[in-house]
Amino acid sequence: MTYPGLHARARPIAAACFRQTRRRLAHVREQEQQLDALRGFRQEMVKRTCERLRRETRLELRAMQKLLHTLFG
């Protein structure tokens, strides 16, 4: 995602934020794939945690996109 109006010094910071958020989302996906190996209460807790992290991460990503679009879009 590029924002032509974004100051040159801010671009690497914005890119790093997006990369970190996407990495965290990928990590959550990996954890969800490992759910089958768990049983009972532990499986339910991991499932809920993954859902919460996914929701928070997506909200964070949308907020960053909206902020950058508002400022420089």
N, C-alpha and C. Protein backbone atom coordinates (compact mmCIF):
# COMPACT_ATOMS: atom_id res chain seq x y z
N MET A 1 0.85 -1.15 0.00
CA MET A 1 0.00 0.00 0.00
C MET A 1 0.90 1.23 0.00
N THR A 2 0.64 2.14 -0.90
CA THR A 2 1.48 3.33 -0.99
C THR A 2 0.64 4.58 -0.77
N TYR A 3 1.24 5.55 -0.16
CA TYR A 3 0.62 6.84 0.07
C TYR A 3 1.59 7.90 -0.43
N PRO A 4 1.35 8.43 -1.65
CA PRO A 4 2.30 9.37 -2.24
C PRO A 4 2.52 10.61 -1.39
N GLY A 5 1.53 11.06 -0.62
CA GLY A 5 1.68 12.25 0.19
C GLY A 5 2.40 12.01 1.50
N LEU A 6 2.71 10.76 1.79
CA LEU A 6 3.37 10.41 3.05
C LEU A 6 4.82 10.87 3.00
N HIS A 7 5.24 11.53 4.06
CA HIS A 7 6.61 12.04 4.13
C HIS A 7 7.59 10.87 3.97
N ALA A 8 8.68 11.12 3.29
CA ALA A 8 9.65 10.06 2.99
C ALA A 8 10.16 9.35 4.25
N ARG A 9 10.34 10.08 5.34
CA ARG A 9 10.83 9.46 6.57
C ARG A 9 9.76 8.61 7.25
N ALA A 10 8.50 8.91 6.98
CA ALA A 10 7.41 8.17 7.62
C ALA A 10 7.09 6.87 6.90
N ARG A 11 7.48 6.74 5.64
CA ARG A 11 7.15 5.53 4.87
C ARG A 11 7.70 4.25 5.48
N PRO A 12 8.98 4.21 5.87
CA PRO A 12 9.49 2.97 6.48
C PRO A 12 8.78 2.61 7.78
N ILE A 13 8.39 3.62 8.54
CA ILE A 13 7.69 3.37 9.81
C ILE A 13 6.32 2.79 9.54
N ALA A 14 5.60 3.38 8.60
CA ALA A 14 4.27 2.88 8.24
C ALA A 14 4.37 1.46 7.69
N ALA A 15 5.36 1.23 6.84
CA ALA A 15 5.55 -0.11 6.26
C ALA A 15 5.86 -1.13 7.36
N ALA A 16 6.69 -0.75 8.32
CA ALA A 16 7.03 -1.66 9.42
C ALA A 16 5.80 -1.99 10.26
N CYS A 17 4.95 -1.00 10.50
CA CYS A 17 3.72 -1.24 11.26
C CYS A 17 2.82 -2.23 10.55
N PHE A 18 2.65 -2.06 9.24
CA PHE A 18 1.82 -2.97 8.47
C PHE A 18 2.42 -4.37 8.45
N ARG A 19 3.74 -4.47 8.29
CA ARG A 19 4.40 -5.79 8.28
C ARG A 19 4.22 -6.50 9.62
N GLN A 20 4.41 -5.77 10.70
CA GLN A 20 4.27 -6.37 12.02
C GLN A 20 2.85 -6.85 12.25
N THR A 21 1.88 -6.07 11.85
CA THR A 21 0.49 -6.45 12.03
C THR A 21 0.16 -7.68 11.19
N ARG A 22 0.65 -7.73 9.97
CA ARG A 22 0.39 -8.89 9.12
C ARG A 22 1.09 -10.14 9.64
N ARG A 23 2.29 -9.98 10.21
CA ARG A 23 2.98 -11.12 10.81
C ARG A 23 2.19 -11.68 11.98
N ARG A 24 1.64 -10.78 12.80
CA ARG A 24 0.85 -11.22 13.94
C ARG A 24 -0.40 -11.96 13.48
N LEU A 25 -1.02 -11.49 12.41
CA LEU A 25 -2.19 -12.17 11.85
C LEU A 25 -1.80 -13.56 11.35
N ALA A 26 -0.64 -13.68 10.71
CA ALA A 26 -0.16 -14.98 10.23
C ALA A 26 0.10 -15.91 11.42
N HIS A 27 0.64 -15.38 12.50
CA HIS A 27 0.90 -16.18 13.69
C HIS A 27 -0.40 -16.72 14.28
N VAL A 28 -1.42 -15.89 14.31
CA VAL A 28 -2.72 -16.31 14.82
C VAL A 28 -3.27 -17.44 13.94
N ARG A 29 -3.13 -17.30 12.63
CA ARG A 29 -3.59 -18.36 11.72
C ARG A 29 -2.87 -19.68 11.99
N GLU A 30 -1.57 -19.63 12.24
CA GLU A 30 -0.80 -20.84 12.56
C GLU A 30 -1.31 -21.49 13.84
N GLN A 31 -1.59 -20.68 14.84
CA GLN A 31 -2.11 -21.22 16.11
C GLN A 31 -3.46 -21.89 15.89
N GLU A 32 -4.29 -21.29 15.06
CA GLU A 32 -5.61 -21.87 14.79
C GLU A 32 -5.48 -23.24 14.13
N GLN A 33 -4.47 -23.42 13.31
CA GLN A 33 -4.27 -24.70 12.63
C GLN A 33 -3.84 -25.79 13.62
N GLN A 34 -3.25 -25.41 14.73
CA GLN A 34 -2.78 -26.36 15.72
C GLN A 34 -3.87 -26.74 16.73
N LEU A 35 -5.06 -26.17 16.60
CA LEU A 35 -6.14 -26.42 17.55
C LEU A 35 -6.54 -27.90 17.64
N ASP A 36 -6.48 -28.63 16.54
CA ASP A 36 -6.90 -30.02 16.53
C ASP A 36 -6.08 -30.88 17.49
N ALA A 37 -4.84 -30.48 17.74
CA ALA A 37 -3.98 -31.27 18.62
C ALA A 37 -4.32 -31.08 20.10
N LEU A 38 -5.09 -30.05 20.41
CA LEU A 38 -5.42 -29.77 21.80
C LEU A 38 -6.77 -30.38 22.17
N ARG A 39 -7.02 -30.50 23.45
CA ARG A 39 -8.27 -31.11 23.92
C ARG A 39 -8.98 -30.22 24.95
N GLY A 40 -10.29 -30.29 24.95
CA GLY A 40 -11.13 -29.72 26.00
C GLY A 40 -10.95 -28.25 26.28
N PHE A 41 -10.75 -27.93 27.56
CA PHE A 41 -10.69 -26.55 28.03
C PHE A 41 -9.57 -25.78 27.35
N ARG A 42 -8.41 -26.40 27.24
CA ARG A 42 -7.26 -25.73 26.63
C ARG A 42 -7.56 -25.35 25.18
N GLN A 43 -8.20 -26.26 24.47
CA GLN A 43 -8.56 -25.99 23.07
C GLN A 43 -9.52 -24.80 22.99
N GLU A 44 -10.50 -24.77 23.89
CA GLU A 44 -11.47 -23.67 23.89
C GLU A 44 -10.79 -22.34 24.21
N MET A 45 -9.87 -22.33 25.16
CA MET A 45 -9.15 -21.10 25.52
C MET A 45 -8.29 -20.60 24.36
N VAL A 46 -7.59 -21.51 23.70
CA VAL A 46 -6.77 -21.11 22.55
C VAL A 46 -7.65 -20.59 21.43
N LYS A 47 -8.77 -21.24 21.22
CA LYS A 47 -9.70 -20.81 20.17
C LYS A 47 -10.20 -19.39 20.44
N ARG A 48 -10.61 -19.13 21.67
CA ARG A 48 -11.10 -17.79 22.02
C ARG A 48 -10.00 -16.74 21.93
N THR A 49 -8.80 -17.11 22.36
CA THR A 49 -7.68 -16.18 22.28
C THR A 49 -7.36 -15.85 20.82
N CYS A 50 -7.36 -16.84 19.97
CA CYS A 50 -7.09 -16.62 18.54
C CYS A 50 -8.14 -15.70 17.93
N GLU A 51 -9.39 -15.94 18.27
CA GLU A 51 -10.46 -15.09 17.74
C GLU A 51 -10.29 -13.65 18.20
N ARG A 52 -9.95 -13.46 19.47
CA ARG A 52 -9.76 -12.11 20.00
C ARG A 52 -8.57 -11.42 19.34
N LEU A 53 -7.45 -12.14 19.23
CA LEU A 53 -6.26 -11.56 18.60
C LEU A 53 -6.51 -11.20 17.14
N ARG A 54 -7.22 -12.08 16.44
CA ARG A 54 -7.54 -11.82 15.04
C ARG A 54 -8.39 -10.56 14.91
N ARG A 55 -9.40 -10.44 15.76
CA ARG A 55 -10.29 -9.28 15.73
C ARG A 55 -9.51 -8.00 16.04
N GLU A 56 -8.69 -8.04 17.10
CA GLU A 56 -7.91 -6.87 17.48
C GLU A 56 -6.91 -6.48 16.40
N THR A 57 -6.28 -7.47 15.80
CA THR A 57 -5.28 -7.20 14.76
C THR A 57 -5.93 -6.58 13.55
N ARG A 58 -7.07 -7.11 13.14
CA ARG A 58 -7.76 -6.54 11.98
C ARG A 58 -8.24 -5.12 12.26
N LEU A 59 -8.72 -4.86 13.47
CA LEU A 59 -9.13 -3.51 13.83
C LEU A 59 -7.94 -2.56 13.80
N GLU A 60 -6.81 -3.03 14.29
CA GLU A 60 -5.59 -2.21 14.29
C GLU A 60 -5.16 -1.91 12.86
N LEU A 61 -5.21 -2.90 11.99
CA LEU A 61 -4.82 -2.70 10.59
C LEU A 61 -5.75 -1.71 9.91
N ARG A 62 -7.05 -1.85 10.13
CA ARG A 62 -8.02 -0.91 9.54
C ARG A 62 -7.80 0.50 10.06
N ALA A 63 -7.51 0.62 11.36
CA ALA A 63 -7.27 1.95 11.94
C ALA A 63 -6.04 2.60 11.33
N MET A 64 -4.97 1.83 11.14
CA MET A 64 -3.77 2.37 10.51
C MET A 64 -4.05 2.81 9.09
N GLN A 65 -4.79 1.99 8.34
CA GLN A 65 -5.12 2.34 6.95
C GLN A 65 -5.97 3.60 6.91
N LYS A 66 -6.96 3.69 7.79
CA LYS A 66 -7.83 4.85 7.82
C LYS A 66 -7.05 6.12 8.19
N LEU A 67 -6.17 6.00 9.18
CA LEU A 67 -5.37 7.15 9.59
C LEU A 67 -4.47 7.62 8.46
N LEU A 68 -3.77 6.70 7.83
CA LEU A 68 -2.89 7.09 6.72
C LEU A 68 -3.69 7.67 5.56
N HIS A 69 -4.85 7.09 5.29
CA HIS A 69 -5.68 7.62 4.21
C HIS A 69 -6.17 9.01 4.53
N THR A 70 -6.57 9.24 5.79
CA THR A 70 -7.05 10.55 6.22
C THR A 70 -5.93 11.59 6.14
N LEU A 71 -4.75 11.21 6.59
CA LEU A 71 -3.65 12.15 6.62
C LEU A 71 -3.04 12.42 5.25
N PHE A 72 -2.92 11.36 4.45
CA PHE A 72 -2.14 11.50 3.22
C PHE A 72 -2.86 11.03 1.96
N GLY A 73 -4.07 10.53 2.09
CA GLY A 73 -4.76 9.94 0.96
C GLY A 73 -5.39 10.95 0.10
